[in-house]
Amino acid sequence: MGVTVDEGTLLAASRRGDLTAYDELVGAYQDRVYQLTYRVTGNPEDAWDAAQEAFVKAFRALKAFRGDAAFSTWLHRIAVNAALDIIRRRPPALDPLDAAAAVTTESVDRMVEQRELQRAIHRAIASLPPDQRVAVVLRDVQGFSYGEIAAVLQVPVGTVRSRLSRARDALRHALADLSPARAHSDEQSEWR
């Protein structure tokens, strides 16, 4: 994660109010925390707000951090809560690029097709209920283990598996039209 000094040393110094040490911790985790909050909120500005809020809350709560879980797990839990709070406060806004893409009838080139695919996937993930969205982001985007996700979300591993299963089923259904086999069968039916 890019921490140059032992994380434990940085945590101890941060608990004593050393802002330089805390800045190093923030630097080590800021990309992952931002990616997590972005995937949960679906909006870059909301993601920055949630990430910043998470780091501020974590700093204020450092003295209460007991170390029962890894610092990263604890920090990710705070970030998930901050992102979910923002979702509750602000309904997602329509992306003007998504609206313009919906008007477009044909792709000009492969790059446009890729962008549309990415948007479709992003919209499908954003349409999931928050508990499922967080589980998918932590597992499939961030690469967390089931145990780590359970610790972040403070739920049993079985609940994590259930949420992931429901989320993946919903994503399969939402993205079924993008399947190459489906597109090929649609083209075949147009020629009949």
Protein backbone atom coordinates (compact mmCIF):
# COMPACT_ATOMS: atom_id res chain seq x y z
CA MET A 1 0.00 0.00 0.00
CA GLY A 2 2.95 2.29 -0.17
CA VAL A 3 3.47 2.88 3.57
CA THR A 4 7.17 3.67 4.02
CA VAL A 5 7.12 3.43 7.82
CA ASP A 6 5.60 0.64 9.86
CA GLU A 7 1.83 1.10 9.97
CA GLY A 8 1.79 0.47 13.70
CA THR A 9 4.27 3.28 14.25
CA LEU A 10 2.19 5.63 12.12
CA LEU A 11 -0.97 4.65 14.01
CA ALA A 12 0.67 5.26 17.37
CA ALA A 13 1.98 8.67 16.28
CA SER A 14 -1.40 9.57 14.76
CA ARG A 15 -3.15 8.67 18.01
CA ARG A 16 -0.90 11.19 19.74
CA GLY A 17 -2.10 13.84 17.26
CA ASP A 18 0.81 13.70 14.80
CA LEU A 19 -0.78 15.03 11.60
CA THR A 20 2.29 14.17 9.51
CA ALA A 21 1.99 10.51 10.49
CA TYR A 22 -1.73 10.57 9.74
CA ASP A 23 -1.04 12.17 6.35
CA GLU A 24 1.18 9.19 5.55
CA LEU A 25 -1.64 6.80 6.47
CA VAL A 26 -4.06 8.80 4.33
CA GLY A 27 -1.59 8.69 1.44
CA ALA A 28 -1.31 4.94 1.77
CA TYR A 29 -5.07 4.34 1.68
CA GLN A 30 -6.56 7.26 -0.24
CA ASP A 31 -6.75 5.55 -3.65
CA ARG A 32 -8.47 2.42 -2.32
CA VAL A 33 -10.84 4.43 -0.15
CA TYR A 34 -11.75 6.73 -3.04
CA GLN A 35 -12.32 3.78 -5.40
CA LEU A 36 -14.54 2.16 -2.80
CA THR A 37 -16.60 5.29 -2.16
CA TYR A 38 -16.86 5.98 -5.90
CA ARG A 39 -18.20 2.51 -6.61
CA VAL A 40 -20.68 2.81 -3.76
CA THR A 41 -21.91 6.34 -4.56
CA GLY A 42 -21.54 6.26 -8.34
CA ASN A 43 -20.56 9.91 -8.40
CA PRO A 44 -17.04 11.40 -8.31
CA GLU A 45 -17.97 14.41 -6.19
CA ASP A 46 -19.91 12.30 -3.71
CA ALA A 47 -17.01 9.84 -3.62
CA TRP A 48 -14.53 12.61 -2.73
CA ASP A 49 -16.89 13.89 -0.06
CA ALA A 50 -17.33 10.39 1.40
CA ALA A 51 -13.59 9.64 1.30
CA GLN A 52 -12.75 12.93 2.99
CA GLU A 53 -15.46 12.38 5.58
CA ALA A 54 -14.11 8.87 6.23
CA PHE A 55 -10.57 10.09 6.83
CA VAL A 56 -11.77 12.88 9.14
CA LYS A 57 -13.98 10.48 11.11
CA ALA A 58 -11.16 7.94 11.32
CA PHE A 59 -8.75 10.55 12.66
CA ARG A 60 -11.25 11.67 15.28
CA ALA A 61 -11.92 8.06 16.31
CA LEU A 62 -8.30 6.84 16.31
CA LYS A 63 -8.08 6.81 20.09
CA ALA A 64 -11.10 4.46 20.17
CA PHE A 65 -9.55 2.09 17.59
CA ARG A 66 -8.80 -1.05 19.61
CA GLY A 67 -7.02 -2.98 16.92
CA ASP A 68 -9.43 -5.94 17.04
CA ALA A 69 -9.47 -5.78 13.23
CA ALA A 70 -6.83 -4.52 10.84
CA PHE A 71 -6.66 -0.75 10.46
CA SER A 72 -7.57 -1.14 6.76
CA THR A 73 -10.73 -3.09 7.66
CA TRP A 74 -11.73 -0.47 10.22
CA LEU A 75 -11.04 2.38 7.76
CA HIS A 76 -12.99 0.68 4.96
CA ARG A 77 -15.95 0.23 7.30
CA ILE A 78 -15.93 3.95 8.05
CA ALA A 79 -15.67 4.70 4.31
CA VAL A 80 -18.60 2.40 3.47
CA ASN A 81 -20.73 4.10 6.13
CA ALA A 82 -19.76 7.56 4.85
CA ALA A 83 -20.66 6.59 1.28
CA LEU A 84 -23.98 5.08 2.34
CA ASP A 85 -24.77 8.23 4.35
CA ILE A 86 -24.23 10.32 1.24
CA ILE A 87 -26.46 8.02 -0.80
CA ARG A 88 -29.20 8.44 1.79
CA ARG A 89 -28.82 12.25 1.82
CA ARG A 90 -28.45 12.82 -1.94
CA PRO A 91 -30.32 10.90 -4.58
CA PRO A 92 -28.07 9.98 -7.51
CA ALA A 93 -27.97 12.59 -10.27
CA LEU A 94 -28.34 11.79 -13.95
CA ASP A 95 -24.96 11.84 -15.68
CA PRO A 96 -25.29 14.16 -18.73
CA LEU A 97 -22.95 11.86 -20.67
CA ASP A 98 -25.30 8.94 -20.01
CA ALA A 99 -28.23 10.98 -21.31
CA ALA A 100 -26.31 11.93 -24.46
CA ALA A 101 -25.26 8.32 -25.01
CA ALA A 102 -28.88 7.18 -24.82
CA VAL A 103 -29.72 9.49 -27.74
CA THR A 104 -26.93 8.10 -29.89
CA THR A 105 -28.21 5.38 -32.21
CA GLU A 106 -24.91 3.96 -33.48
CA SER A 107 -21.41 3.61 -32.14
CA VAL A 108 -18.82 5.45 -34.16
CA ASP A 109 -15.93 3.21 -33.19
CA ARG A 110 -14.76 0.58 -30.72
CA MET A 111 -13.82 3.19 -28.09
CA VAL A 112 -17.41 4.40 -27.90
CA GLU A 113 -18.62 0.80 -27.56
CA GLN A 114 -16.19 0.20 -24.69
CA ARG A 115 -17.33 3.37 -22.96
CA GLU A 116 -20.96 2.30 -23.28
CA LEU A 117 -20.15 -1.12 -21.88
CA GLN A 118 -18.39 0.47 -18.92
CA ARG A 119 -21.35 2.77 -18.32
CA ALA A 120 -23.79 -0.14 -18.52
CA ILE A 121 -21.78 -2.06 -15.97
CA HIS A 122 -21.50 1.02 -13.76
CA ARG A 123 -25.27 1.63 -13.98
CA ALA A 124 -25.98 -2.03 -13.23
CA ILE A 125 -23.79 -1.91 -10.13
CA ALA A 126 -25.33 1.43 -9.09
CA SER A 127 -28.83 -0.05 -9.42
CA LEU A 128 -28.11 -2.74 -6.83
CA PRO A 129 -29.41 -2.23 -3.28
CA PRO A 130 -26.65 -0.59 -1.21
CA ASP A 131 -25.85 -3.71 0.86
CA GLN A 132 -25.35 -5.79 -2.31
CA ARG A 133 -23.46 -2.99 -4.10
CA VAL A 134 -20.98 -2.67 -1.24
CA ALA A 135 -20.40 -6.44 -1.16
CA VAL A 136 -19.76 -6.55 -4.93
CA VAL A 137 -17.42 -3.57 -4.84
CA LEU A 138 -15.43 -4.96 -1.93
CA ARG A 139 -15.15 -8.45 -3.46
CA ASP A 140 -15.04 -8.00 -7.23
CA VAL A 141 -13.50 -4.54 -7.53
CA GLN A 142 -11.33 -4.24 -4.42
CA GLY A 143 -10.48 -7.95 -4.12
CA PHE A 144 -11.36 -8.39 -0.45
CA SER A 145 -11.79 -11.92 0.91
CA TYR A 146 -15.16 -13.04 2.26
CA GLY A 147 -13.79 -12.80 5.80
CA GLU A 148 -12.51 -9.27 5.24
CA ILE A 149 -15.87 -8.22 3.81
CA ALA A 150 -17.67 -9.75 6.78
CA ALA A 151 -15.40 -7.76 9.11
CA VAL A 152 -15.92 -4.50 7.20
CA LEU A 153 -19.69 -4.92 7.05
CA GLN A 154 -19.93 -6.50 10.51
CA VAL A 155 -22.08 -9.38 9.24
CA PRO A 156 -21.53 -13.16 9.12
CA VAL A 157 -19.65 -14.64 6.13
CA GLY A 158 -22.87 -16.42 5.10
CA THR A 159 -24.58 -13.03 4.77
CA VAL A 160 -21.72 -11.82 2.58
CA ARG A 161 -22.09 -14.89 0.33
CA SER A 162 -25.84 -14.39 0.12
CA ARG A 163 -25.52 -10.70 -0.78
CA LEU A 164 -22.91 -11.49 -3.42
CA SER A 165 -25.04 -14.24 -4.90
CA ARG A 166 -28.11 -12.00 -5.15
CA ALA A 167 -26.03 -9.13 -6.53
CA ARG A 168 -24.37 -11.28 -9.17
CA ASP A 169 -27.74 -12.71 -10.23
CA ALA A 170 -29.12 -9.19 -10.56
CA LEU A 171 -26.06 -8.08 -12.54
CA ARG A 172 -26.35 -11.09 -14.88
CA HIS A 173 -29.97 -10.20 -15.50
CA ALA A 174 -29.28 -6.47 -15.95
CA LEU A 175 -26.40 -7.12 -18.35
CA ALA A 176 -27.92 -10.04 -20.26
CA ASP A 177 -28.50 -7.87 -23.33
CA LEU A 178 -24.77 -7.19 -23.52
CA SER A 179 -23.87 -10.86 -23.84
CA PRO A 180 -22.07 -11.61 -27.16
CA ALA A 181 -24.24 -14.72 -27.63
CA ARG A 182 -27.39 -12.61 -27.12
CA ALA A 183 -26.20 -9.93 -29.56
CA HIS A 184 -25.41 -12.60 -32.15
CA SER A 185 -28.86 -14.23 -31.79
CA ASP A 186 -30.50 -10.78 -32.11
CA GLU A 187 -28.57 -10.15 -35.34
CA GLN A 188 -29.63 -13.55 -36.67
CA SER A 189 -33.31 -12.83 -35.94
CA GLU A 190 -33.09 -9.54 -37.85
CA TRP A 191 -32.02 -11.39 -41.01
CA ARG A 192 -34.95 -13.84 -40.94
